[in-house]
C-alpha atoms as a PDB file:
ATOM      1  CA  MET A   1       2.995 -15.123  25.392  1.00  0.00           C
ATOM      2  CA  ASP A   2       4.709 -18.359  24.265  1.00  0.00           C
ATOM      3  CA  ILE A   3       4.575 -19.783  20.746  1.00  0.00           C
ATOM      4  CA  GLY A   4       2.164 -22.579  21.683  1.00  0.00           C
ATOM      5  CA  THR A   5      -0.369 -20.186  23.160  1.00  0.00           C
ATOM      6  CA  LEU A   6      -0.085 -17.913  20.138  1.00  0.00           C
ATOM      7  CA  ILE A   7      -0.660 -20.775  17.690  1.00  0.00           C
ATOM      8  CA  ASN A   8      -3.612 -21.933  19.771  1.00  0.00           C
ATOM      9  CA  GLN A   9      -5.127 -18.431  19.601  1.00  0.00           C
ATOM     10  CA  LEU A  10      -4.612 -18.253  15.841  1.00  0.00           C
ATOM     11  CA  PHE A  11      -6.627 -21.457  15.425  1.00  0.00           C
ATOM     12  CA  PHE A  12      -9.382 -20.831  17.964  1.00  0.00           C
ATOM     13  CA  ASP A  13      -9.620 -17.043  18.430  1.00  0.00           C
ATOM     14  CA  TYR A  14     -12.000 -15.808  15.726  1.00  0.00           C
ATOM     15  CA  THR A  15     -11.061 -12.138  16.051  1.00  0.00           C
ATOM     16  CA  LEU A  16      -7.302 -12.682  15.986  1.00  0.00           C
ATOM     17  CA  ARG A  17      -7.524 -15.117  13.081  1.00  0.00           C
ATOM     18  CA  THR A  18      -9.685 -12.705  11.085  1.00  0.00           C
ATOM     19  CA  VAL A  19      -7.411  -9.729  11.725  1.00  0.00           C
ATOM     20  CA  VAL A  20      -4.237 -11.674  10.868  1.00  0.00           C
ATOM     21  CA  LEU A  21      -5.744 -12.992   7.617  1.00  0.00           C
ATOM     22  CA  GLY A  22      -6.981  -9.557   6.626  1.00  0.00           C
ATOM     23  CA  SER A  23      -3.625  -7.953   7.398  1.00  0.00           C
ATOM     24  CA  ALA A  24      -1.785 -10.658   5.449  1.00  0.00           C
ATOM     25  CA  ILE A  25      -4.034 -10.125   2.416  1.00  0.00           C
ATOM     26  CA  LEU A  26      -3.351  -6.404   2.630  1.00  0.00           C
ATOM     27  CA  GLY A  27       0.390  -7.073   2.827  1.00  0.00           C
ATOM     28  CA  ILE A  28       0.321  -9.210  -0.320  1.00  0.00           C
ATOM     29  CA  ALA A  29      -1.704  -6.770  -2.427  1.00  0.00           C
ATOM     30  CA  SER A  30       0.091  -3.622  -1.301  1.00  0.00           C
ATOM     31  CA  GLY A  31       3.503  -5.282  -1.562  1.00  0.00           C
ATOM     32  CA  VAL A  32       3.022  -6.315  -5.198  1.00  0.00           C
ATOM     33  CA  LEU A  33       1.392  -3.138  -6.525  1.00  0.00           C
ATOM     34  CA  GLY A  34       3.515  -0.835  -4.395  1.00  0.00           C
ATOM     35  CA  CYS A  35       6.577  -2.023  -6.335  1.00  0.00           C
ATOM     36  CA  PHE A  36       5.207  -0.560  -9.550  1.00  0.00           C
ATOM     37  CA  ALA A  37       4.218   2.692  -7.832  1.00  0.00           C
ATOM     38  CA  LEU A  38       7.716   3.016  -6.350  1.00  0.00           C
ATOM     39  CA  LEU A  39       9.522   2.272  -9.624  1.00  0.00           C
ATOM     40  CA  ARG A  40       7.349   4.800 -11.467  1.00  0.00           C
ATOM     41  CA  ARG A  41       8.235   7.426  -8.847  1.00  0.00           C
ATOM     42  CA  GLN A  42       4.629   7.702  -7.733  1.00  0.00           C
ATOM     43  CA  SER A  43       5.185   7.231  -4.018  1.00  0.00           C
ATOM     44  CA  LEU A  44       2.841  10.104  -3.210  1.00  0.00           C
ATOM     45  CA  LEU A  45       0.114   8.512  -5.347  1.00  0.00           C
ATOM     46  CA  GLY A  46      -0.817   6.080  -2.584  1.00  0.00           C
ATOM     47  CA  ASP A  47      -1.141   8.901  -0.077  1.00  0.00           C
ATOM     48  CA  ALA A  48      -3.248  11.001  -2.460  1.00  0.00           C
ATOM     49  CA  LEU A  49      -5.606   8.210  -3.498  1.00  0.00           C
ATOM     50  CA  SER A  50      -6.083   6.822   0.000  1.00  0.00           C
ATOM     51  CA  HIS A  51      -7.161  10.250   1.212  1.00  0.00           C
ATOM     52  CA  ALA A  52      -9.283  10.724  -1.919  1.00  0.00           C
ATOM     53  CA  ALA A  53     -11.250   7.592  -0.980  1.00  0.00           C
ATOM     54  CA  LEU A  54     -12.781   9.186   2.133  1.00  0.00           C
ATOM     55  CA  PRO A  55     -15.550  11.232   0.432  1.00  0.00           C
ATOM     56  CA  GLY A  56     -16.565   8.161  -1.580  1.00  0.00           C
ATOM     57  CA  ILE A  57     -17.078   6.182   1.622  1.00  0.00           C
ATOM     58  CA  CYS A  58     -19.242   8.918   3.102  1.00  0.00           C
ATOM     59  CA  LEU A  59     -21.291   9.414  -0.069  1.00  0.00           C
ATOM     60  CA  ALA A  60     -21.818   5.656  -0.431  1.00  0.00           C
ATOM     61  CA  PHE A  61     -23.146   5.579   3.127  1.00  0.00           C
ATOM     62  CA  ILE A  62     -25.467   8.519   2.471  1.00  0.00           C
ATOM     63  CA  LEU A  63     -26.831   7.131  -0.798  1.00  0.00           C
ATOM     64  CA  SER A  64     -27.189   3.488   0.211  1.00  0.00           C
ATOM     65  CA  GLY A  65     -27.812   3.572   3.934  1.00  0.00           C
ATOM     66  CA  GLN A  66     -26.448   0.004   4.139  1.00  0.00           C
ATOM     67  CA  LEU A  67     -24.459   0.401   7.307  1.00  0.00           C
ATOM     68  CA  LYS A  68     -23.248  -3.192   7.498  1.00  0.00           C
ATOM     69  CA  SER A  69     -22.315  -3.714   3.843  1.00  0.00           C
ATOM     70  CA  PRO A  70     -18.542  -3.326   3.506  1.00  0.00           C
ATOM     71  CA  LEU A  71     -18.721  -3.958  -0.245  1.00  0.00           C
ATOM     72  CA  VAL A  72     -20.933  -0.897  -0.821  1.00  0.00           C
ATOM     73  CA  LEU A  73     -18.618   1.371   1.147  1.00  0.00           C
ATOM     74  CA  LEU A  74     -15.520  -0.062  -0.540  1.00  0.00           C
ATOM     75  CA  LEU A  75     -17.060   0.461  -3.980  1.00  0.00           C
ATOM     76  CA  GLY A  76     -17.707   4.078  -3.012  1.00  0.00           C
ATOM     77  CA  ALA A  77     -14.104   4.402  -1.862  1.00  0.00           C
ATOM     78  CA  MET A  78     -12.865   2.855  -5.093  1.00  0.00           C
ATOM     79  CA  ALA A  79     -14.943   5.204  -7.252  1.00  0.00           C
ATOM     80  CA  SER A  80     -13.773   8.268  -5.325  1.00  0.00           C
ATOM     81  CA  ALA A  81     -10.106   7.240  -5.377  1.00  0.00           C
ATOM     82  CA  TRP A  82     -10.282   6.477  -9.093  1.00  0.00           C
ATOM     83  CA  LEU A  83     -11.873   9.887  -9.688  1.00  0.00           C
ATOM     84  CA  GLY A  84      -8.964  11.410  -7.780  1.00  0.00           C
ATOM     85  CA  ALA A  85      -6.546   9.581 -10.080  1.00  0.00           C
ATOM     86  CA  ILE A  86      -8.355  10.986 -13.116  1.00  0.00           C
ATOM     87  CA  PHE A  87      -8.103  14.500 -11.695  1.00  0.00           C
ATOM     88  CA  ILE A  88      -4.368  14.063 -11.173  1.00  0.00           C
ATOM     89  CA  THR A  89      -3.934  12.974 -14.793  1.00  0.00           C
ATOM     90  CA  VAL A  90      -6.053  15.843 -16.121  1.00  0.00           C
ATOM     91  CA  ILE A  91      -4.172  18.425 -14.053  1.00  0.00           C
ATOM     92  CA  VAL A  92      -0.768  17.148 -15.205  1.00  0.00           C
ATOM     93  CA  ARG A  93      -1.709  16.930 -18.886  1.00  0.00           C
ATOM     94  CA  SER A  94      -3.670  20.180 -19.184  1.00  0.00           C
ATOM     95  CA  THR A  95      -1.571  22.501 -17.007  1.00  0.00           C
ATOM     96  CA  ARG A  96       2.064  23.160 -16.156  1.00  0.00           C
ATOM     97  CA  ILE A  97       1.610  21.735 -12.678  1.00  0.00           C
ATOM     98  CA  LYS A  98       3.923  18.801 -11.948  1.00  0.00           C
ATOM     99  CA  SER A  99       2.602  15.422 -10.868  1.00  0.00           C
ATOM    100  CA  ASP A 100       3.689  15.749  -7.227  1.00  0.00           C
ATOM    101  CA  ALA A 101       1.882  19.092  -6.895  1.00  0.00           C
ATOM    102  CA  ALA A 102      -1.204  17.642  -8.610  1.00  0.00           C
ATOM    103  CA  MET A 103      -1.240  14.747  -6.138  1.00  0.00           C
ATOM    104  CA  GLY A 104      -0.960  17.192  -3.255  1.00  0.00           C
ATOM    105  CA  ILE A 105      -3.892  19.225  -4.590  1.00  0.00           C
ATOM    106  CA  VAL A 106      -6.108  16.149  -4.962  1.00  0.00           C
ATOM    107  CA  LEU A 107      -5.109  14.890  -1.508  1.00  0.00           C
ATOM    108  CA  VAL A 108      -6.026  18.135   0.228  1.00  0.00           C
ATOM    109  CA  VAL A 109      -9.250  18.845  -1.686  1.00  0.00           C
ATOM    110  CA  PHE A 110     -10.703  15.335  -1.533  1.00  0.00           C
ATOM    111  CA  PHE A 111      -9.683  14.691   2.068  1.00  0.00           C
ATOM    112  CA  GLY A 112     -11.040  18.052   3.185  1.00  0.00           C
ATOM    113  CA  PHE A 113     -14.380  17.367   1.489  1.00  0.00           C
ATOM    114  CA  GLY A 114     -14.489  13.858   2.932  1.00  0.00           C
ATOM    115  CA  TYR A 115     -13.703  15.036   6.440  1.00  0.00           C
ATOM    116  CA  VAL A 116     -16.523  17.593   6.260  1.00  0.00           C
ATOM    117  CA  LEU A 117     -18.959  14.851   5.217  1.00  0.00           C
ATOM    118  CA  LEU A 118     -17.652  12.538   7.935  1.00  0.00           C
ATOM    119  CA  SER A 119     -18.050  15.190  10.618  1.00  0.00           C
ATOM    120  CA  ARG A 120     -21.641  15.894   9.592  1.00  0.00           C
ATOM    121  CA  LEU A 121     -22.496  12.204   9.468  1.00  0.00           C
ATOM    122  CA  GLN A 122     -21.025  11.524  12.891  1.00  0.00           C
ATOM    123  CA  ALA A 123     -23.038  14.399  14.318  1.00  0.00           C
ATOM    124  CA  SER A 124     -26.336  13.177  12.822  1.00  0.00           C
ATOM    125  CA  ALA A 125     -28.684  10.791  14.557  1.00  0.00           C
ATOM    126  CA  GLY A 126     -27.688   7.156  14.214  1.00  0.00           C
ATOM    127  CA  ALA A 127     -24.636   7.832  12.087  1.00  0.00           C
ATOM    128  CA  GLY A 128     -22.322   7.279  15.013  1.00  0.00           C
ATOM    129  CA  GLN A 129     -23.186   3.581  14.829  1.00  0.00           C
ATOM    130  CA  ALA A 130     -22.031   3.339  11.221  1.00  0.00           C
ATOM    131  CA  GLY A 131     -18.379   3.138  12.216  1.00  0.00           C
ATOM    132  CA  LEU A 132     -17.266   5.344   9.362  1.00  0.00           C
ATOM    133  CA  ASP A 133     -14.372   6.683  11.436  1.00  0.00           C
ATOM    134  CA  ARG A 134     -12.719   3.261  11.201  1.00  0.00           C
ATOM    135  CA  TYR A 135     -11.880   4.076   7.597  1.00  0.00           C
ATOM    136  CA  LEU A 136     -10.063   7.200   8.733  1.00  0.00           C
ATOM    137  CA  PHE A 137      -7.638   5.623  11.209  1.00  0.00           C
ATOM    138  CA  GLY A 138      -8.364   1.939  10.690  1.00  0.00           C
ATOM    139  CA  ARG A 139     -10.012  -0.477  13.084  1.00  0.00           C
ATOM    140  CA  ALA A 140      -8.917  -3.966  12.185  1.00  0.00           C
ATOM    141  CA  SER A 141     -10.407  -5.501  15.331  1.00  0.00           C
ATOM    142  CA  SER A 142     -13.881  -4.818  13.947  1.00  0.00           C
ATOM    143  CA  MET A 143     -13.325  -6.890  10.803  1.00  0.00           C
ATOM    144  CA  LEU A 144     -15.669  -9.781  10.131  1.00  0.00           C
ATOM    145  CA  ARG A 145     -15.293 -12.858   7.978  1.00  0.00           C
ATOM    146  CA  SER A 146     -17.293 -11.123   5.229  1.00  0.00           C
ATOM    147  CA  ASP A 147     -14.784  -8.250   5.268  1.00  0.00           C
ATOM    148  CA  VAL A 148     -11.872 -10.669   4.829  1.00  0.00           C
ATOM    149  CA  GLU A 149     -13.689 -12.455   2.007  1.00  0.00           C
ATOM    150  CA  THR A 150     -14.265  -9.133   0.237  1.00  0.00           C
ATOM    151  CA  MET A 151     -10.611  -8.186   0.701  1.00  0.00           C
ATOM    152  CA  GLY A 152      -9.513 -11.592  -0.575  1.00  0.00           C
ATOM    153  CA  PHE A 153     -11.691 -11.331  -3.684  1.00  0.00           C
ATOM    154  CA  LEU A 154     -10.375  -7.868  -4.540  1.00  0.00           C
ATOM    155  CA  ALA A 155      -6.775  -8.938  -3.886  1.00  0.00           C
ATOM    156  CA  LEU A 156      -7.116 -12.014  -6.128  1.00  0.00           C
ATOM    157  CA  LEU A 157      -8.610  -9.848  -8.852  1.00  0.00           C
ATOM    158  CA  ALA A 158      -5.776  -7.313  -8.658  1.00  0.00           C
ATOM    159  CA  LEU A 159      -3.041  -9.968  -8.494  1.00  0.00           C
ATOM    160  CA  GLY A 160      -4.555 -11.922 -11.375  1.00  0.00           C
ATOM    161  CA  VAL A 161      -4.553  -8.887 -13.659  1.00  0.00           C
ATOM    162  CA  THR A 162      -1.024  -8.009 -12.537  1.00  0.00           C
ATOM    163  CA  LEU A 163       0.223 -11.506 -13.368  1.00  0.00           C
ATOM    164  CA  LEU A 164      -1.521 -11.419 -16.750  1.00  0.00           C
ATOM    165  CA  LEU A 165       0.004  -8.041 -17.698  1.00  0.00           C
ATOM    166  CA  PHE A 166       3.299  -8.391 -15.840  1.00  0.00           C
ATOM    167  CA  LYS A 167       5.559  -7.863 -18.868  1.00  0.00           C
ATOM    168  CA  GLU A 168       3.582  -4.813 -19.993  1.00  0.00           C
ATOM    169  CA  PHE A 169       3.620  -3.292 -16.508  1.00  0.00           C
ATOM    170  CA  LYS A 170       7.363  -3.937 -16.311  1.00  0.00           C
ATOM    171  CA  LEU A 171       7.965  -1.996 -19.531  1.00  0.00           C
ATOM    172  CA  LEU A 172       5.555   0.722 -18.400  1.00  0.00           C
ATOM    173  CA  SER A 173       7.559   1.161 -15.198  1.00  0.00           C
ATOM    174  CA  PHE A 174      11.017   1.265 -16.790  1.00  0.00           C
ATOM    175  CA  ASP A 175      10.551   2.492 -20.380  1.00  0.00           C
ATOM    176  CA  PRO A 176       7.031   3.675 -21.327  1.00  0.00           C
ATOM    177  CA  ASP A 177       8.292   5.185 -24.604  1.00  0.00           C
ATOM    178  CA  TYR A 178       9.610   1.814 -25.764  1.00  0.00           C
ATOM    179  CA  LEU A 179       6.279   0.266 -24.770  1.00  0.00           C
ATOM    180  CA  SER A 180       4.496   2.697 -27.098  1.00  0.00           C
ATOM    181  CA  ILE A 181       6.951   1.977 -29.909  1.00  0.00           C
ATOM    182  CA  LEU A 182       6.118  -1.731 -29.617  1.00  0.00           C
ATOM    183  CA  GLY A 183       2.488  -0.845 -30.281  1.00  0.00           C
ATOM    184  CA  PHE A 184       1.047  -1.359 -26.812  1.00  0.00           C
ATOM    185  CA  PRO A 185      -1.603   1.114 -25.547  1.00  0.00           C
ATOM    186  CA  SER A 186       0.533   2.739 -22.857  1.00  0.00           C
ATOM    187  CA  ARG A 187      -2.212   5.110 -21.668  1.00  0.00           C
ATOM    188  CA  LEU A 188      -4.705   2.273 -21.281  1.00  0.00           C
ATOM    189  CA  LEU A 189      -2.138   0.206 -19.388  1.00  0.00           C
ATOM    190  CA  ASP A 190      -1.439   3.229 -17.190  1.00  0.00           C
ATOM    191  CA  VAL A 191      -5.150   3.444 -16.360  1.00  0.00           C
ATOM    192  CA  VAL A 192      -5.303  -0.296 -15.602  1.00  0.00           C
ATOM    193  CA  LEU A 193      -2.260  -0.164 -13.319  1.00  0.00           C
ATOM    194  CA  THR A 194      -3.627   2.896 -11.512  1.00  0.00           C
ATOM    195  CA  THR A 195      -6.946   1.088 -11.034  1.00  0.00           C
ATOM    196  CA  LEU A 196      -5.144  -1.891  -9.504  1.00  0.00           C
ATOM    197  CA  ILE A 197      -3.299   0.441  -7.124  1.00  0.00           C
ATOM    198  CA  VAL A 198      -6.663   1.920  -6.174  1.00  0.00           C
ATOM    199  CA  ILE A 199      -7.930  -1.596  -5.392  1.00  0.00           C
ATOM    200  CA  ALA A 200      -4.892  -2.259  -3.193  1.00  0.00           C
ATOM    201  CA  ILE A 201      -5.540   0.992  -1.330  1.00  0.00           C
ATOM    202  CA  VAL A 202      -9.225   0.212  -0.848  1.00  0.00           C
ATOM    203  CA  ILE A 203      -8.348  -3.220   0.578  1.00  0.00           C
ATOM    204  CA  GLY A 204      -6.379  -1.604   3.393  1.00  0.00           C
ATOM    205  CA  LEU A 205      -8.747   1.168   4.432  1.00  0.00           C
ATOM    206  CA  GLN A 206     -10.476  -0.785   7.180  1.00  0.00           C
ATOM    207  CA  THR A 207      -7.193  -2.217   8.468  1.00  0.00           C
ATOM    208  CA  VAL A 208      -4.894   0.825   8.627  1.00  0.00           C
ATOM    209  CA  GLY A 209      -7.165   3.667   7.444  1.00  0.00           C
ATOM    210  CA  VAL A 210      -6.651   6.400   4.876  1.00  0.00           C
ATOM    211  CA  VAL A 211      -4.020   8.130   7.019  1.00  0.00           C
ATOM    212  CA  LEU A 212      -1.566   5.201   7.174  1.00  0.00           C
ATOM    213  CA  MET A 213      -2.363   3.383   3.920  1.00  0.00           C
ATOM    214  CA  SER A 214       0.407   5.112   1.975  1.00  0.00           C
ATOM    215  CA  ALA A 215       2.968   3.454   4.273  1.00  0.00           C
ATOM    216  CA  MET A 216       1.552   0.011   3.500  1.00  0.00           C
ATOM    217  CA  LEU A 217       1.747   0.688  -0.230  1.00  0.00           C
ATOM    218  CA  ILE A 218       5.284   2.086  -0.450  1.00  0.00           C
ATOM    219  CA  ALA A 219       7.284   0.814   2.536  1.00  0.00           C
ATOM    220  CA  PRO A 220       7.346  -2.929   1.598  1.00  0.00           C
ATOM    221  CA  ALA A 221       8.500  -2.042  -1.921  1.00  0.00           C
ATOM    222  CA  ALA A 222      11.110   0.412  -0.614  1.00  0.00           C
ATOM    223  CA  ALA A 223      12.451  -2.200   1.791  1.00  0.00           C
ATOM    224  CA  ALA A 224      12.538  -4.927  -0.862  1.00  0.00           C
ATOM    225  CA  ARG A 225      14.336  -2.606  -3.298  1.00  0.00           C
ATOM    226  CA  GLN A 226      17.343  -2.505  -0.956  1.00  0.00           C
ATOM    227  CA  TRP A 227      17.923  -6.248  -1.322  1.00  0.00           C
ATOM    228  CA  THR A 228      17.749  -6.856  -5.067  1.00  0.00           C
ATOM    229  CA  ASN A 229      17.950  -5.326  -8.526  1.00  0.00           C
ATOM    230  CA  ARG A 230      15.512  -7.786 -10.131  1.00  0.00           C
ATOM    231  CA  LEU A 231      11.830  -6.857 -10.331  1.00  0.00           C
ATOM    232  CA  SER A 232      10.508 -10.394  -9.852  1.00  0.00           C
ATOM    233  CA  VAL A 233      12.617 -10.895  -6.717  1.00  0.00           C
ATOM    234  CA  MET A 234      11.672  -7.437  -5.488  1.00  0.00           C
ATOM    235  CA  ILE A 235       7.962  -8.259  -5.783  1.00  0.00           C
ATOM    236  CA  LEU A 236       8.372 -11.556  -3.903  1.00  0.00           C
ATOM    237  CA  LEU A 237      10.348  -9.845  -1.128  1.00  0.00           C
ATOM    238  CA  ALA A 238       7.761  -7.046  -0.905  1.00  0.00           C
ATOM    239  CA  MET A 239       5.023  -9.657  -0.520  1.00  0.00           C
ATOM    240  CA  VAL A 240       6.941 -11.410   2.258  1.00  0.00           C
ATOM    241  CA  ILE A 241       7.659  -8.118   4.033  1.00  0.00           C
ATOM    242  CA  GLY A 242       4.032  -7.034   3.694  1.00  0.00           C
ATOM    243  CA  VAL A 243       2.666 -10.314   5.046  1.00  0.00           C
ATOM    244  CA  PHE A 244       5.180 -10.420   7.905  1.00  0.00           C
ATOM    245  CA  SER A 245       4.505  -6.808   8.915  1.00  0.00           C
ATOM    246  CA  GLY A 246       0.744  -7.245   8.698  1.00  0.00           C
ATOM    247  CA  ALA A 247       0.675 -10.481  10.694  1.00  0.00           C
ATOM    248  CA  ALA A 248       3.257  -9.331  13.257  1.00  0.00           C
ATOM    249  CA  GLY A 249       1.471  -6.016  13.772  1.00  0.00           C
ATOM    250  CA  ALA A 250      -1.881  -7.750  14.218  1.00  0.00           C
ATOM    251  CA  ILE A 251      -0.439 -10.207  16.745  1.00  0.00           C
ATOM    252  CA  ALA A 252       1.364  -7.404  18.615  1.00  0.00           C
ATOM    253  CA  SER A 253      -1.881  -5.468  18.797  1.00  0.00           C
ATOM    254  CA  ALA A 254      -3.774  -8.494  20.103  1.00  0.00           C
ATOM    255  CA  THR A 255      -1.211  -9.203  22.814  1.00  0.00           C
ATOM    256  CA  THR A 256      -0.552  -5.610  23.910  1.00  0.00           C
ATOM    257  CA  ALA A 257      -3.094  -3.421  25.652  1.00  0.00           C
ATOM    258  CA  GLN A 258      -4.062  -0.096  24.063  1.00  0.00           C
ATOM    259  CA  LEU A 259      -2.123  -0.776  20.854  1.00  0.00           C
ATOM    260  CA  PRO A 260      -4.241  -0.259  17.697  1.00  0.00           C
ATOM    261  CA  THR A 261      -3.626  -2.690  14.850  1.00  0.00           C
ATOM    262  CA  GLY A 262      -2.971  -0.141  12.088  1.00  0.00           C
ATOM    263  CA  PRO A 263      -0.205   1.766  13.895  1.00  0.00           C
ATOM    264  CA  ALA A 264       1.279  -1.525  15.130  1.00  0.00           C
ATOM    265  CA  ILE A 265       1.558  -2.785  11.553  1.00  0.00           C
ATOM    266  CA  VAL A 266       3.190   0.454  10.428  1.00  0.00           C
ATOM    267  CA  ILE A 267       5.653   0.349  13.352  1.00  0.00           C
ATOM    268  CA  VAL A 268       6.753  -3.177  12.413  1.00  0.00           C
ATOM    269  CA  LEU A 269       6.985  -2.143   8.780  1.00  0.00           C
ATOM    270  CA  THR A 270       9.072   0.886   9.718  1.00  0.00           C
ATOM    271  CA  VAL A 271      11.556  -1.269  11.635  1.00  0.00           C
ATOM    272  CA  VAL A 272      11.882  -3.668   8.679  1.00  0.00           C
ATOM    273  CA  THR A 273      12.358  -0.767   6.259  1.00  0.00           C
ATOM    274  CA  ILE A 274      15.041   0.905   8.403  1.00  0.00           C
ATOM    275  CA  PHE A 275      16.882  -2.416   8.729  1.00  0.00           C
ATOM    276  CA  SER A 276      16.701  -2.892   4.941  1.00  0.00           C
ATOM    277  CA  LEU A 277      17.929   0.634   4.258  1.00  0.00           C
ATOM    278  CA  ALA A 278      20.928  -0.054   6.465  1.00  0.00           C
ATOM    279  CA  PHE A 279      21.815  -3.661   5.603  1.00  0.00           C
ATOM    280  CA  GLY A 280      20.167  -4.420   2.246  1.00  0.00           C
ATOM    281  CA  ALA A 281      22.530  -6.466   0.067  1.00  0.00           C
ATOM    282  CA  ALA A 282      21.940  -4.415  -3.097  1.00  0.00           C
ATOM    283  CA  ARG A 283      21.553  -0.832  -1.869  1.00  0.00           C
ATOM    284  CA  GLY A 284      22.011  -0.894   1.904  1.00  0.00           C
ATOM    285  CA  LEU A 285      23.938   2.035   3.361  1.00  0.00           C
ATOM    286  CA  VAL A 286      26.332  -0.172   5.341  1.00  0.00           C
ATOM    287  CA  TRP A 287      27.351  -2.341   2.388  1.00  0.00           C
ATOM    288  CA  ASP A 288      27.523   0.698   0.119  1.00  0.00           C
ATOM    289  CA  ARG A 289      29.892   2.354   2.572  1.00  0.00           C
ATOM    290  CA  LEU A 290      32.060  -0.783   2.752  1.00  0.00           C
ATOM    291  CA  ARG A 291      32.222  -0.971  -1.049  1.00  0.00           C
ATOM    292  CA  ARG A 292      33.328   2.661  -1.221  1.00  0.00           C
ATOM    293  CA  LEU A 293      36.028   2.053   1.376  1.00  0.00           C
ATOM    294  CA  ARG A 294      37.304  -0.964  -0.547  1.00  0.00           C
ATOM    295  CA  THR A 295      37.390   1.037  -3.756  1.00  0.00           C
ATOM    296  CA  ARG A 296      39.362   3.884  -2.148  1.00  0.00           C
ATOM    297  CA  ALA A 297      41.802   1.452  -0.545  1.00  0.00           C
ATOM    298  CA  ALA A 298      42.385  -0.295  -3.872  1.00  0.00           C
ATOM    299  CA  LEU A 299      42.907   3.001  -5.706  1.00  0.00           C
ATOM    300  CA  ARG A 300      45.354   4.298  -3.085  1.00  0.00           C
ATOM    301  CA  SER A 301      47.393   1.094  -3.142  1.00  0.00           C
ATOM    302  CA  GLY A 302      47.443   1.041  -6.919  1.00  0.00           C
ATOM    303  CA  GLY A 303      46.061  -2.468  -6.986  1.00  0.00           C
ATOM    304  CA  GLN A 304      43.741  -3.876  -9.611  1.00  0.00           C
ATOM    305  CA  PHE A 305      40.303  -5.215  -8.930  1.00  0.00           C
ATOM    306  CA  GLN A 306      37.324  -6.465 -10.829  1.00  0.00           C
ATOM    307  CA  PRO A 307      34.083  -4.422 -10.753  1.00  0.00           C
ATOM    308  CA  GLY A 308      32.167  -7.494  -9.579  1.00  0.00           C
ATOM    309  CA  GLU A 309      34.370  -7.713  -6.489  1.00  0.00           C
ATOM    310  CA  LEU A 310      33.260  -4.332  -5.123  1.00  0.00           C
END
């Protein structure tokens, strides 16, 4: 497909335009908030909370019966994921279990309960038309304009709060003890940041599903981290990587037969991340290897060099 045809489809093909916009919104939200999760060494948090959202979706469907209301199902997912985050915090603070183990426990328990509910719902009369399985593996092609509007509203809300509390979140990520010394409520800020991460996860459930959402949250931040040591630049790069991966994956899915959108997005994101890990200017393996070789050569020759030259 040539560029002209692709641009024409983006303007006139409702489905493609909707999927690309939704994927781009997901890339922006997950790119920004994933940076804070990565820097706080909570990479597994996205995986745990995305899986914890499944029972909330099923329970929201059971209690409301509004099959075509994405907002109701997303609110159920948000409540369930947030409850999972609370459980993780309670387990870590009240037991000797480490945070990674606590996340694993919540992931398994919540996802198992959600999958049981999903299986029963899919087997019941009429529930097969609800499309609840799209939240498990993602089904971006089924998104409507109302879905994109809901995603956009939630993304704007999360990004607005992040911009408002950027300095506090920065301190929380790098030095939470110093944040407490300055008099800021570190626990409250932790809850707010976790809630924003939950919102980012909920935004992506219909696009990539609970199984692949952790990749959308962490991979753009991990790729951006290889190119810079500044948080503001890292966030901008993560946004760009997220938008590019989301849009490119959606277009690849639309132009290739039997290629689901969610996996296509993750494949593109994986390629970008591998390239960044290899060639990133700040932490890339290739440049790091070259710097080490230069250092060894300078030491063996007895020459002098400045640290900034390495």
